[in-house]
Amino acid sequence: MTRILLDPTGERSVPHREPLPRPASLHGQVIGLLDISKPRGDVFLNRLEELLTGAGAVVRRYRKPTFTKPAPVDLRHEIATQCTLVIEALAD
């Protein structure tokens, strides 16, 4: 099965990026859930947190101050140093 990864950035020329291999299991993974501050993103992430915790993952929640700008450098650093996987939620 062919997978297509869509990059939501506004770049006119998107560089080729190889996806990282998926972990064999979620058990023991530290998963960061990043809420980008759009309406109802937290609803999606709340349910996702339940499912991930049930699969044995440790979940950490993060929130951008606004969806209109990239995450601040300190927030990105915190996520990168504390998590093994990250899920970013977009919703309306």
PDB file of N, CA and C in Angstrom:
ATOM      1  N   MET A   1       0.843  -1.168   0.000  1.00  0.00           N
ATOM      2  CA  MET A   1       0.000   0.000   0.000  1.00  0.00           C
ATOM      3  C   MET A   1       0.891   1.234   0.000  1.00  0.00           C
ATOM      4  N   THR A   2       0.617   2.173  -0.867  1.00  0.00           N
ATOM      5  CA  THR A   2       1.366   3.413  -0.947  1.00  0.00           C
ATOM      6  C   THR A   2       0.789   4.425   0.017  1.00  0.00           C
ATOM      7  N   ARG A   3       1.645   5.060   0.796  1.00  0.00           N
ATOM      8  CA  ARG A   3       1.214   6.099   1.731  1.00  0.00           C
ATOM      9  C   ARG A   3       1.678   7.440   1.197  1.00  0.00           C
ATOM     10  N   ILE A   4       0.811   8.425   1.302  1.00  0.00           N
ATOM     11  CA  ILE A   4       1.147   9.777   0.895  1.00  0.00           C
ATOM     12  C   ILE A   4       1.142  10.648   2.137  1.00  0.00           C
ATOM     13  N   LEU A   5       2.240  11.338   2.379  1.00  0.00           N
ATOM     14  CA  LEU A   5       2.357  12.238   3.513  1.00  0.00           C
ATOM     15  C   LEU A   5       2.168  13.658   3.004  1.00  0.00           C
ATOM     16  N   LEU A   6       1.161  14.336   3.539  1.00  0.00           N
ATOM     17  CA  LEU A   6       0.899  15.708   3.145  1.00  0.00           C
ATOM     18  C   LEU A   6       1.553  16.655   4.138  1.00  0.00           C
ATOM     19  N   ASP A   7       2.247  17.642   3.630  1.00  0.00           N
ATOM     20  CA  ASP A   7       2.919  18.630   4.463  1.00  0.00           C
ATOM     21  C   ASP A   7       2.063  19.896   4.459  1.00  0.00           C
ATOM     22  N   PRO A   8       1.518  20.282   5.626  1.00  0.00           N
ATOM     23  CA  PRO A   8       0.596  21.420   5.658  1.00  0.00           C
ATOM     24  C   PRO A   8       1.269  22.792   5.619  1.00  0.00           C
ATOM     25  N   THR A   9       2.575  22.853   5.464  1.00  0.00           N
ATOM     26  CA  THR A   9       3.243  24.148   5.430  1.00  0.00           C
ATOM     27  C   THR A   9       2.979  24.847   4.107  1.00  0.00           C
ATOM     28  N   GLY A  10       3.175  26.133   4.084  1.00  0.00           N
ATOM     29  CA  GLY A  10       2.883  26.930   2.893  1.00  0.00           C
ATOM     30  C   GLY A  10       4.077  27.087   1.971  1.00  0.00           C
ATOM     31  N   GLU A  11       4.988  26.151   1.974  1.00  0.00           N
ATOM     32  CA  GLU A  11       6.163  26.255   1.123  1.00  0.00           C
ATOM     33  C   GLU A  11       5.795  26.030  -0.335  1.00  0.00           C
ATOM     34  N   ARG A  12       6.363  26.812  -1.203  1.00  0.00           N
ATOM     35  CA  ARG A  12       6.089  26.630  -2.640  1.00  0.00           C
ATOM     36  C   ARG A  12       6.884  25.456  -3.201  1.00  0.00           C
ATOM     37  N   SER A  13       8.058  25.245  -2.665  1.00  0.00           N
ATOM     38  CA  SER A  13       8.893  24.126  -3.077  1.00  0.00           C
ATOM     39  C   SER A  13       9.173  23.284  -1.831  1.00  0.00           C
ATOM     40  N   VAL A  14       8.474  22.186  -1.703  1.00  0.00           N
ATOM     41  CA  VAL A  14       8.581  21.352  -0.510  1.00  0.00           C
ATOM     42  C   VAL A  14       9.754  20.391  -0.657  1.00  0.00           C
ATOM     43  N   PRO A  15      10.687  20.404   0.310  1.00  0.00           N
ATOM     44  CA  PRO A  15      11.804  19.470   0.236  1.00  0.00           C
ATOM     45  C   PRO A  15      11.319  18.044   0.487  1.00  0.00           C
ATOM     46  N   HIS A  16      12.012  17.094  -0.108  1.00  0.00           N
ATOM     47  CA  HIS A  16      11.667  15.692   0.092  1.00  0.00           C
ATOM     48  C   HIS A  16      12.085  15.280   1.498  1.00  0.00           C
ATOM     49  N   ARG A  17      11.162  14.677   2.246  1.00  0.00           N
ATOM     50  CA  ARG A  17      11.457  14.213   3.600  1.00  0.00           C
ATOM     51  C   ARG A  17      11.048  12.753   3.717  1.00  0.00           C
ATOM     52  N   GLU A  18      11.976  11.942   4.167  1.00  0.00           N
ATOM     53  CA  GLU A  18      11.665  10.532   4.399  1.00  0.00           C
ATOM     54  C   GLU A  18      10.991  10.395   5.757  1.00  0.00           C
ATOM     55  N   PRO A  19       9.831   9.738   5.832  1.00  0.00           N
ATOM     56  CA  PRO A  19       9.213   9.530   7.139  1.00  0.00           C
ATOM     57  C   PRO A  19      10.063   8.599   8.001  1.00  0.00           C
ATOM     58  N   LEU A  20      10.064   8.857   9.297  1.00  0.00           N
ATOM     59  CA  LEU A  20      10.782   7.983  10.224  1.00  0.00           C
ATOM     60  C   LEU A  20      10.038   6.663  10.358  1.00  0.00           C
ATOM     61  N   PRO A  21      10.740   5.583  10.669  1.00  0.00           N
ATOM     62  CA  PRO A  21      10.047   4.304  10.842  1.00  0.00           C
ATOM     63  C   PRO A  21       9.098   4.370  12.041  1.00  0.00           C
ATOM     64  N   ARG A  22       7.970   3.691  11.917  1.00  0.00           N
ATOM     65  CA  ARG A  22       6.996   3.645  13.006  1.00  0.00           C
ATOM     66  C   ARG A  22       7.506   2.725  14.110  1.00  0.00           C
ATOM     67  N   PRO A  23       7.201   3.061  15.361  1.00  0.00           N
ATOM     68  CA  PRO A  23       7.622   2.166  16.450  1.00  0.00           C
ATOM     69  C   PRO A  23       6.840   0.859  16.388  1.00  0.00           C
ATOM     70  N   ALA A  24       7.444  -0.207  16.866  1.00  0.00           N
ATOM     71  CA  ALA A  24       6.785  -1.509  16.871  1.00  0.00           C
ATOM     72  C   ALA A  24       5.585  -1.525  17.803  1.00  0.00           C
ATOM     73  N   SER A  25       5.639  -0.693  18.843  1.00  0.00           N
ATOM     74  CA  SER A  25       4.573  -0.661  19.840  1.00  0.00           C
ATOM     75  C   SER A  25       4.483   0.740  20.431  1.00  0.00           C
ATOM     76  N   LEU A  26       3.313   1.091  20.936  1.00  0.00           N
ATOM     77  CA  LEU A  26       3.152   2.361  21.640  1.00  0.00           C
ATOM     78  C   LEU A  26       3.465   2.219  23.126  1.00  0.00           C
ATOM     79  N   HIS A  27       3.538   0.981  23.594  1.00  0.00           N
ATOM     80  CA  HIS A  27       3.802   0.730  25.009  1.00  0.00           C
ATOM     81  C   HIS A  27       5.147   1.339  25.412  1.00  0.00           C
ATOM     82  N   GLY A  28       5.118   2.199  26.430  1.00  0.00           N
ATOM     83  CA  GLY A  28       6.341   2.822  26.926  1.00  0.00           C
ATOM     84  C   GLY A  28       6.782   4.067  26.177  1.00  0.00           C
ATOM     85  N   GLN A  29       6.154   4.384  25.066  1.00  0.00           N
ATOM     86  CA  GLN A  29       6.500   5.597  24.335  1.00  0.00           C
ATOM     87  C   GLN A  29       5.994   6.817  25.101  1.00  0.00           C
ATOM     88  N   VAL A  30       6.723   7.912  25.020  1.00  0.00           N
ATOM     89  CA  VAL A  30       6.266   9.187  25.586  1.00  0.00           C
ATOM     90  C   VAL A  30       5.766  10.011  24.402  1.00  0.00           C
ATOM     91  N   ILE A  31       4.452  10.187  24.352  1.00  0.00           N
ATOM     92  CA  ILE A  31       3.829  10.826  23.198  1.00  0.00           C
ATOM     93  C   ILE A  31       3.356  12.219  23.568  1.00  0.00           C
ATOM     94  N   GLY A  32       3.851  13.202  22.838  1.00  0.00           N
ATOM     95  CA  GLY A  32       3.421  14.581  23.026  1.00  0.00           C
ATOM     96  C   GLY A  32       2.226  14.868  22.144  1.00  0.00           C
ATOM     97  N   LEU A  33       1.176  15.416  22.740  1.00  0.00           N
ATOM     98  CA  LEU A  33       0.005  15.841  21.979  1.00  0.00           C
ATOM     99  C   LEU A  33       0.018  17.359  21.927  1.00  0.00           C
ATOM    100  N   LEU A  34       0.196  17.911  20.739  1.00  0.00           N
ATOM    101  CA  LEU A  34       0.302  19.354  20.568  1.00  0.00           C
ATOM    102  C   LEU A  34      -1.015  19.919  20.058  1.00  0.00           C
ATOM    103  N   ASP A  35      -1.653  20.700  20.886  1.00  0.00           N
ATOM    104  CA  ASP A  35      -2.886  21.399  20.520  1.00  0.00           C
ATOM    105  C   ASP A  35      -2.470  22.730  19.914  1.00  0.00           C
ATOM    106  N   ILE A  36      -2.843  22.988  18.670  1.00  0.00           N
ATOM    107  CA  ILE A  36      -2.412  24.224  18.021  1.00  0.00           C
ATOM    108  C   ILE A  36      -3.349  25.396  18.326  1.00  0.00           C
ATOM    109  N   SER A  37      -4.299  25.204  19.219  1.00  0.00           N
ATOM    110  CA  SER A  37      -5.211  26.256  19.685  1.00  0.00           C
ATOM    111  C   SER A  37      -6.335  26.583  18.704  1.00  0.00           C
ATOM    112  N   LYS A  38      -6.685  25.643  17.849  1.00  0.00           N
ATOM    113  CA  LYS A  38      -7.873  25.830  17.012  1.00  0.00           C
ATOM    114  C   LYS A  38      -9.065  25.256  17.756  1.00  0.00           C
ATOM    115  N   PRO A  39     -10.251  25.777  17.486  1.00  0.00           N
ATOM    116  CA  PRO A  39     -11.443  25.269  18.177  1.00  0.00           C
ATOM    117  C   PRO A  39     -11.619  23.761  18.004  1.00  0.00           C
ATOM    118  N   ARG A  40     -11.946  23.089  19.085  1.00  0.00           N
ATOM    119  CA  ARG A  40     -12.268  21.665  19.161  1.00  0.00           C
ATOM    120  C   ARG A  40     -11.071  20.736  18.994  1.00  0.00           C
ATOM    121  N   GLY A  41      -9.871  21.272  18.864  1.00  0.00           N
ATOM    122  CA  GLY A  41      -8.687  20.418  18.812  1.00  0.00           C
ATOM    123  C   GLY A  41      -8.531  19.632  20.093  1.00  0.00           C
ATOM    124  N   ASP A  42      -8.887  20.252  21.219  1.00  0.00           N
ATOM    125  CA  ASP A  42      -8.779  19.578  22.515  1.00  0.00           C
ATOM    126  C   ASP A  42      -9.732  18.400  22.626  1.00  0.00           C
ATOM    127  N   VAL A  43     -10.883  18.485  21.969  1.00  0.00           N
ATOM    128  CA  VAL A  43     -11.848  17.372  21.990  1.00  0.00           C
ATOM    129  C   VAL A  43     -11.223  16.141  21.339  1.00  0.00           C
ATOM    130  N   PHE A  44     -10.603  16.348  20.199  1.00  0.00           N
ATOM    131  CA  PHE A  44      -9.924  15.259  19.505  1.00  0.00           C
ATOM    132  C   PHE A  44      -8.779  14.702  20.356  1.00  0.00           C
ATOM    133  N   LEU A  45      -7.967  15.603  20.916  1.00  0.00           N
ATOM    134  CA  LEU A  45      -6.818  15.163  21.696  1.00  0.00           C
ATOM    135  C   LEU A  45      -7.219  14.459  22.986  1.00  0.00           C
ATOM    136  N   ASN A  46      -8.317  14.862  23.598  1.00  0.00           N
ATOM    137  CA  ASN A  46      -8.785  14.174  24.808  1.00  0.00           C
ATOM    138  C   ASN A  46      -9.067  12.709  24.513  1.00  0.00           C
ATOM    139  N   ARG A  47      -9.757  12.453  23.427  1.00  0.00           N
ATOM    140  CA  ARG A  47     -10.075  11.066  23.053  1.00  0.00           C
ATOM    141  C   ARG A  47      -8.814  10.309  22.666  1.00  0.00           C
ATOM    142  N   LEU A  48      -7.945  10.963  21.932  1.00  0.00           N
ATOM    143  CA  LEU A  48      -6.694  10.323  21.530  1.00  0.00           C
ATOM    144  C   LEU A  48      -5.851   9.968  22.745  1.00  0.00           C
ATOM    145  N   GLU A  49      -5.831  10.847  23.736  1.00  0.00           N
ATOM    146  CA  GLU A  49      -5.086  10.561  24.967  1.00  0.00           C
ATOM    147  C   GLU A  49      -5.621   9.309  25.650  1.00  0.00           C
ATOM    148  N   GLU A  50      -6.933   9.146  25.699  1.00  0.00           N
ATOM    149  CA  GLU A  50      -7.527   7.944  26.287  1.00  0.00           C
ATOM    150  C   GLU A  50      -7.049   6.685  25.569  1.00  0.00           C
ATOM    151  N   LEU A  51      -7.068   6.721  24.252  1.00  0.00           N
ATOM    152  CA  LEU A  51      -6.666   5.556  23.462  1.00  0.00           C
ATOM    153  C   LEU A  51      -5.177   5.247  23.629  1.00  0.00           C
ATOM    154  N   LEU A  52      -4.345   6.280  23.606  1.00  0.00           N
ATOM    155  CA  LEU A  52      -2.903   6.075  23.734  1.00  0.00           C
ATOM    156  C   LEU A  52      -2.530   5.565  25.121  1.00  0.00           C
ATOM    157  N   THR A  53      -3.146   6.112  26.141  1.00  0.00           N
ATOM    158  CA  THR A  53      -2.890   5.659  27.504  1.00  0.00           C
ATOM    159  C   THR A  53      -3.303   4.202  27.656  1.00  0.00           C
ATOM    160  N   GLY A  54      -4.431   3.846  27.058  1.00  0.00           N
ATOM    161  CA  GLY A  54      -4.889   2.457  27.080  1.00  0.00           C
ATOM    162  C   GLY A  54      -3.938   1.509  26.375  1.00  0.00           C
ATOM    163  N   ALA A  55      -3.173   2.041  25.419  1.00  0.00           N
ATOM    164  CA  ALA A  55      -2.195   1.218  24.692  1.00  0.00           C
ATOM    165  C   ALA A  55      -0.847   1.176  25.404  1.00  0.00           C
ATOM    166  N   GLY A  56      -0.758   1.810  26.589  1.00  0.00           N
ATOM    167  CA  GLY A  56       0.474   1.746  27.366  1.00  0.00           C
ATOM    168  C   GLY A  56       1.429   2.901  27.171  1.00  0.00           C
ATOM    169  N   ALA A  57       1.010   3.938  26.475  1.00  0.00           N
ATOM    170  CA  ALA A  57       1.881   5.099  26.265  1.00  0.00           C
ATOM    171  C   ALA A  57       1.738   6.092  27.412  1.00  0.00           C
ATOM    172  N   VAL A  58       2.772   6.884  27.601  1.00  0.00           N
ATOM    173  CA  VAL A  58       2.736   8.019  28.518  1.00  0.00           C
ATOM    174  C   VAL A  58       2.440   9.239  27.659  1.00  0.00           C
ATOM    175  N   VAL A  59       1.433  10.017  28.040  1.00  0.00           N
ATOM    176  CA  VAL A  59       1.018  11.160  27.219  1.00  0.00           C
ATOM    177  C   VAL A  59       1.346  12.462  27.932  1.00  0.00           C
ATOM    178  N   ARG A  60       1.929  13.386  27.182  1.00  0.00           N
ATOM    179  CA  ARG A  60       2.184  14.740  27.679  1.00  0.00           C
ATOM    180  C   ARG A  60       1.463  15.710  26.754  1.00  0.00           C
ATOM    181  N   ARG A  61       0.790  16.688  27.352  1.00  0.00           N
ATOM    182  CA  ARG A  61       0.004  17.643  26.568  1.00  0.00           C
ATOM    183  C   ARG A  61       0.739  18.980  26.461  1.00  0.00           C
ATOM    184  N   TYR A  62       0.652  19.581  25.273  1.00  0.00           N
ATOM    185  CA  TYR A  62       1.251  20.884  25.003  1.00  0.00           C
ATOM    186  C   TYR A  62       0.240  21.708  24.212  1.00  0.00           C
ATOM    187  N   ARG A  63       0.390  23.029  24.284  1.00  0.00           N
ATOM    188  CA  ARG A  63      -0.541  23.906  23.562  1.00  0.00           C
ATOM    189  C   ARG A  63       0.216  25.126  23.037  1.00  0.00           C
ATOM    190  N   LYS A  64       0.031  25.398  21.755  1.00  0.00           N
ATOM    191  CA  LYS A  64       0.590  26.613  21.172  1.00  0.00           C
ATOM    192  C   LYS A  64      -0.227  27.807  21.645  1.00  0.00           C
ATOM    193  N   PRO A  65       0.397  28.976  21.792  1.00  0.00           N
ATOM    194  CA  PRO A  65      -0.355  30.164  22.200  1.00  0.00           C
ATOM    195  C   PRO A  65      -1.401  30.573  21.156  1.00  0.00           C
ATOM    196  N   THR A  66      -1.106  30.353  19.886  1.00  0.00           N
ATOM    197  CA  THR A  66      -2.024  30.715  18.806  1.00  0.00           C
ATOM    198  C   THR A  66      -1.766  29.826  17.596  1.00  0.00           C
ATOM    199  N   PHE A  67      -2.813  29.556  16.830  1.00  0.00           N
ATOM    200  CA  PHE A  67      -2.625  28.713  15.641  1.00  0.00           C
ATOM    201  C   PHE A  67      -2.064  29.503  14.462  1.00  0.00           C
ATOM    202  N   THR A  68      -2.013  30.820  14.579  1.00  0.00           N
ATOM    203  CA  THR A  68      -1.590  31.652  13.451  1.00  0.00           C
ATOM    204  C   THR A  68      -0.086  31.756  13.280  1.00  0.00           C
ATOM    205  N   LYS A  69       0.671  31.270  14.274  1.00  0.00           N
ATOM    206  CA  LYS A  69       2.130  31.358  14.204  1.00  0.00           C
ATOM    207  C   LYS A  69       2.743  30.016  14.575  1.00  0.00           C
ATOM    208  N   PRO A  70       3.989  29.780  14.141  1.00  0.00           N
ATOM    209  CA  PRO A  70       4.664  28.541  14.552  1.00  0.00           C
ATOM    210  C   PRO A  70       4.821  28.479  16.071  1.00  0.00           C
ATOM    211  N   ALA A  71       4.982  27.288  16.585  1.00  0.00           N
ATOM    212  CA  ALA A  71       5.209  27.109  18.023  1.00  0.00           C
ATOM    213  C   ALA A  71       6.492  27.824  18.425  1.00  0.00           C
ATOM    214  N   PRO A  72       6.492  28.461  19.594  1.00  0.00           N
ATOM    215  CA  PRO A  72       7.715  29.122  20.062  1.00  0.00           C
ATOM    216  C   PRO A  72       8.871  28.131  20.199  1.00  0.00           C
ATOM    217  N   VAL A  73      10.076  28.641  20.038  1.00  0.00           N
ATOM    218  CA  VAL A  73      11.271  27.799  20.088  1.00  0.00           C
ATOM    219  C   VAL A  73      11.357  27.028  21.399  1.00  0.00           C
ATOM    220  N   ASP A  74      11.069  27.676  22.527  1.00  0.00           N
ATOM    221  CA  ASP A  74      11.173  26.977  23.810  1.00  0.00           C
ATOM    222  C   ASP A  74      10.167  25.844  23.919  1.00  0.00           C
ATOM    223  N   LEU A  75       8.978  26.002  23.347  1.00  0.00           N
ATOM    224  CA  LEU A  75       7.979  24.929  23.354  1.00  0.00           C
ATOM    225  C   LEU A  75       8.442  23.769  22.474  1.00  0.00           C
ATOM    226  N   ARG A  76       8.968  24.075  21.315  1.00  0.00           N
ATOM    227  CA  ARG A  76       9.477  23.023  20.426  1.00  0.00           C
ATOM    228  C   ARG A  76      10.630  22.267  21.078  1.00  0.00           C
ATOM    229  N   HIS A  77      11.498  22.983  21.769  1.00  0.00           N
ATOM    230  CA  HIS A  77      12.618  22.336  22.464  1.00  0.00           C
ATOM    231  C   HIS A  77      12.094  21.424  23.577  1.00  0.00           C
ATOM    232  N   GLU A  78      11.131  21.906  24.345  1.00  0.00           N
ATOM    233  CA  GLU A  78      10.556  21.104  25.423  1.00  0.00           C
ATOM    234  C   GLU A  78       9.959  19.807  24.882  1.00  0.00           C
ATOM    235  N   ILE A  79       9.208  19.909  23.803  1.00  0.00           N
ATOM    236  CA  ILE A  79       8.608  18.716  23.196  1.00  0.00           C
ATOM    237  C   ILE A  79       9.688  17.764  22.685  1.00  0.00           C
ATOM    238  N   ALA A  80      10.683  18.300  22.003  1.00  0.00           N
ATOM    239  CA  ALA A  80      11.737  17.463  21.413  1.00  0.00           C
ATOM    240  C   ALA A  80      12.552  16.734  22.467  1.00  0.00           C
ATOM    241  N   THR A  81      12.737  17.342  23.638  1.00  0.00           N
ATOM    242  CA  THR A  81      13.560  16.713  24.666  1.00  0.00           C
ATOM    243  C   THR A  81      12.763  15.798  25.587  1.00  0.00           C
ATOM    244  N   GLN A  82      11.439  15.923  25.604  1.00  0.00           N
ATOM    245  CA  GLN A  82      10.630  15.129  26.530  1.00  0.00           C
ATOM    246  C   GLN A  82       9.843  14.003  25.872  1.00  0.00           C
ATOM    247  N   CYS A  83       9.745  13.995  24.555  1.00  0.00           N
ATOM    248  CA  CYS A  83       8.857  13.036  23.877  1.00  0.00           C
ATOM    249  C   CYS A  83       9.607  12.185  22.864  1.00  0.00           C
ATOM    250  N   THR A  84       9.098  10.963  22.675  1.00  0.00           N
ATOM    251  CA  THR A  84       9.643  10.101  21.626  1.00  0.00           C
ATOM    252  C   THR A  84       8.810  10.179  20.353  1.00  0.00           C
ATOM    253  N   LEU A  85       7.544  10.570  20.496  1.00  0.00           N
ATOM    254  CA  LEU A  85       6.622  10.742  19.367  1.00  0.00           C
ATOM    255  C   LEU A  85       5.776  11.992  19.612  1.00  0.00           C
ATOM    256  N   VAL A  86       5.293  12.619  18.540  1.00  0.00           N
ATOM    257  CA  VAL A  86       4.448  13.810  18.665  1.00  0.00           C
ATOM    258  C   VAL A  86       3.280  13.710  17.702  1.00  0.00           C
ATOM    259  N   ILE A  87       2.108  14.102  18.185  1.00  0.00           N
ATOM    260  CA  ILE A  87       0.912  14.203  17.344  1.00  0.00           C
ATOM    261  C   ILE A  87       0.417  15.629  17.464  1.00  0.00           C
ATOM    262  N   GLU A  88       0.201  16.272  16.336  1.00  0.00           N
ATOM    263  CA  GLU A  88      -0.278  17.641  16.309  1.00  0.00           C
ATOM    264  C   GLU A  88      -1.734  17.632  15.839  1.00  0.00           C
ATOM    265  N   ALA A  89      -2.617  18.312  16.585  1.00  0.00           N
ATOM    266  CA  ALA A  89      -4.043  18.276  16.271  1.00  0.00           C
ATOM    267  C   ALA A  89      -4.484  19.532  15.529  1.00  0.00           C
ATOM    268  N   LEU A  90      -5.192  19.322  14.450  1.00  0.00           N
ATOM    269  CA  LEU A  90      -5.837  20.390  13.715  1.00  0.00           C
ATOM    270  C   LEU A  90      -7.328  20.102  13.738  1.00  0.00           C
ATOM    271  N   ALA A  91      -8.121  21.070  14.102  1.00  0.00           N
ATOM    272  CA  ALA A  91      -9.567  20.854  14.119  1.00  0.00           C
ATOM    273  C   ALA A  91     -10.289  22.183  14.058  1.00  0.00           C
ATOM    274  N   ASP A  92     -11.542  22.144  13.708  1.00  0.00           N
ATOM    275  CA  ASP A  92     -12.443  23.302  13.702  1.00  0.00           C
ATOM    276  C   ASP A  92     -13.820  22.832  14.023  1.00  0.00           C
TER     277      ASP A  92
END
